[in-house]
Amino acid sequence: MSRALSEDLKRSPLWPILVDVVHSLPLYPSHKAYLRDFLIVESPEISVEEVSYRLGITLGEAMVILDEVKREITKEKGGADT
């Protein structure tokens, strides 16, 4: 998923609803931890589709957790919050 498309999606009024739904999923913390601790380390430029496939989750959940993990990594490196 291109960065521009991702930014368009985050401006959608439905984005906060998707985030709330994903945060309510029982396996959300585990999926996010696995992405952060393993998948991103293996493939820093991993796509939303690949995250969805590798974790067996919906594209919506993959979009939210990939966005969160990438923002956390950027913040840890001292970069601007995207």
C-alpha atoms as a PDB file:
ATOM      1  CA  MET A   1       0.000   0.000   0.000  1.00  0.00           C
ATOM      2  CA  SER A   2       1.467   3.306  -1.038  1.00  0.00           C
ATOM      3  CA  ARG A   3       2.197   6.000   1.524  1.00  0.00           C
ATOM      4  CA  ALA A   4      -0.209   8.405  -0.220  1.00  0.00           C
ATOM      5  CA  LEU A   5      -3.047   5.883  -0.080  1.00  0.00           C
ATOM      6  CA  SER A   6      -2.304   5.222   3.574  1.00  0.00           C
ATOM      7  CA  GLU A   7      -2.419   8.956   4.360  1.00  0.00           C
ATOM      8  CA  ASP A   8      -5.746   9.263   2.510  1.00  0.00           C
ATOM      9  CA  LEU A   9      -7.172   6.398   4.550  1.00  0.00           C
ATOM     10  CA  LYS A  10      -6.050   7.961   7.831  1.00  0.00           C
ATOM     11  CA  ARG A  11      -7.897  11.180   6.923  1.00  0.00           C
ATOM     12  CA  SER A  12     -11.123   9.229   6.391  1.00  0.00           C
ATOM     13  CA  PRO A  13     -13.791   9.683   9.069  1.00  0.00           C
ATOM     14  CA  LEU A  14     -13.910   5.878   9.247  1.00  0.00           C
ATOM     15  CA  TRP A  15     -10.229   5.535  10.286  1.00  0.00           C
ATOM     16  CA  PRO A  16     -10.843   6.162  14.027  1.00  0.00           C
ATOM     17  CA  ILE A  17     -13.662   3.612  13.946  1.00  0.00           C
ATOM     18  CA  LEU A  18     -11.379   1.024  12.331  1.00  0.00           C
ATOM     19  CA  VAL A  19      -8.711   1.737  14.966  1.00  0.00           C
ATOM     20  CA  ASP A  20     -11.253   1.268  17.788  1.00  0.00           C
ATOM     21  CA  VAL A  21     -12.465  -2.014  16.291  1.00  0.00           C
ATOM     22  CA  VAL A  22      -8.913  -3.328  15.871  1.00  0.00           C
ATOM     23  CA  HIS A  23      -7.996  -2.329  19.429  1.00  0.00           C
ATOM     24  CA  SER A  24     -10.981  -4.347  20.703  1.00  0.00           C
ATOM     25  CA  LEU A  25      -9.813  -7.584  19.041  1.00  0.00           C
ATOM     26  CA  PRO A  26      -8.552 -10.146  21.583  1.00  0.00           C
ATOM     27  CA  LEU A  27      -5.405 -10.990  19.583  1.00  0.00           C
ATOM     28  CA  TYR A  28      -4.525  -7.388  18.715  1.00  0.00           C
ATOM     29  CA  PRO A  29      -1.727  -7.115  21.333  1.00  0.00           C
ATOM     30  CA  SER A  30      -0.195 -10.416  20.213  1.00  0.00           C
ATOM     31  CA  HIS A  31      -0.395  -9.551  16.521  1.00  0.00           C
ATOM     32  CA  LYS A  32       1.150  -6.142  17.134  1.00  0.00           C
ATOM     33  CA  ALA A  33       3.964  -7.613  19.249  1.00  0.00           C
ATOM     34  CA  TYR A  34       4.747 -10.271  16.630  1.00  0.00           C
ATOM     35  CA  LEU A  35       4.830  -7.666  13.871  1.00  0.00           C
ATOM     36  CA  ARG A  36       7.074  -5.361  15.931  1.00  0.00           C
ATOM     37  CA  ASP A  37       9.416  -8.056  17.253  1.00  0.00           C
ATOM     38  CA  PHE A  38       9.758 -10.329  14.219  1.00  0.00           C
ATOM     39  CA  LEU A  39       8.186  -9.298  10.909  1.00  0.00           C
ATOM     40  CA  ILE A  40       9.454  -5.696  10.845  1.00  0.00           C
ATOM     41  CA  VAL A  41      12.926  -6.877  11.848  1.00  0.00           C
ATOM     42  CA  GLU A  42      12.950  -9.375   8.947  1.00  0.00           C
ATOM     43  CA  SER A  43      11.364  -7.008   6.416  1.00  0.00           C
ATOM     44  CA  PRO A  44      11.373  -3.309   7.374  1.00  0.00           C
ATOM     45  CA  GLU A  45       9.432  -2.408   4.212  1.00  0.00           C
ATOM     46  CA  ILE A  46       6.780  -5.127   4.650  1.00  0.00           C
ATOM     47  CA  SER A  47       3.466  -4.365   2.953  1.00  0.00           C
ATOM     48  CA  VAL A  48       0.014  -4.348   4.501  1.00  0.00           C
ATOM     49  CA  GLU A  49      -0.923  -7.267   2.283  1.00  0.00           C
ATOM     50  CA  GLU A  50       2.084  -9.287   3.464  1.00  0.00           C
ATOM     51  CA  VAL A  51       1.284  -8.543   7.130  1.00  0.00           C
ATOM     52  CA  SER A  52      -2.300  -9.648   6.540  1.00  0.00           C
ATOM     53  CA  TYR A  53      -1.169 -12.864   4.864  1.00  0.00           C
ATOM     54  CA  ARG A  54       1.601 -13.736   7.334  1.00  0.00           C
ATOM     55  CA  LEU A  55      -0.550 -13.145  10.426  1.00  0.00           C
ATOM     56  CA  GLY A  56      -3.813 -14.441   8.953  1.00  0.00           C
ATOM     57  CA  ILE A  57      -5.618 -11.201   9.777  1.00  0.00           C
ATOM     58  CA  THR A  58      -7.835  -8.784   7.883  1.00  0.00           C
ATOM     59  CA  LEU A  59      -6.365  -5.981   5.811  1.00  0.00           C
ATOM     60  CA  GLY A  60      -7.984  -3.502   8.197  1.00  0.00           C
ATOM     61  CA  GLU A  61      -6.190  -4.929  11.230  1.00  0.00           C
ATOM     62  CA  ALA A  62      -2.949  -5.113   9.261  1.00  0.00           C
ATOM     63  CA  MET A  63      -3.264  -1.443   8.232  1.00  0.00           C
ATOM     64  CA  VAL A  64      -3.794  -0.283  11.800  1.00  0.00           C
ATOM     65  CA  ILE A  65      -1.042  -2.305  13.461  1.00  0.00           C
ATOM     66  CA  LEU A  66       1.498  -1.642  10.703  1.00  0.00           C
ATOM     67  CA  ASP A  67       0.796   2.086  10.964  1.00  0.00           C
ATOM     68  CA  GLU A  68       1.156   2.009  14.754  1.00  0.00           C
ATOM     69  CA  VAL A  69       4.365  -0.025  14.719  1.00  0.00           C
ATOM     70  CA  LYS A  70       5.982   2.154  12.045  1.00  0.00           C
ATOM     71  CA  ARG A  71       5.077   5.306  14.000  1.00  0.00           C
ATOM     72  CA  GLU A  72       6.531   3.800  17.196  1.00  0.00           C
ATOM     73  CA  ILE A  73       9.766   2.895  15.395  1.00  0.00           C
ATOM     74  CA  THR A  74      10.016   6.394  13.924  1.00  0.00           C
ATOM     75  CA  LYS A  75       9.455   7.936  17.354  1.00  0.00           C
ATOM     76  CA  GLU A  76      12.098   5.658  18.942  1.00  0.00           C
ATOM     77  CA  LYS A  77      14.612   6.737  16.302  1.00  0.00           C
ATOM     78  CA  GLY A  78      13.891  10.366  17.119  1.00  0.00           C
ATOM     79  CA  GLY A  79      12.136  11.106  13.840  1.00  0.00           C
ATOM     80  CA  ALA A  80       9.046  13.135  13.246  1.00  0.00           C
ATOM     81  CA  ASP A  81       5.717  11.495  14.011  1.00  0.00           C
ATOM     82  CA  THR A  82       3.987  10.589  10.731  1.00  0.00           C
END
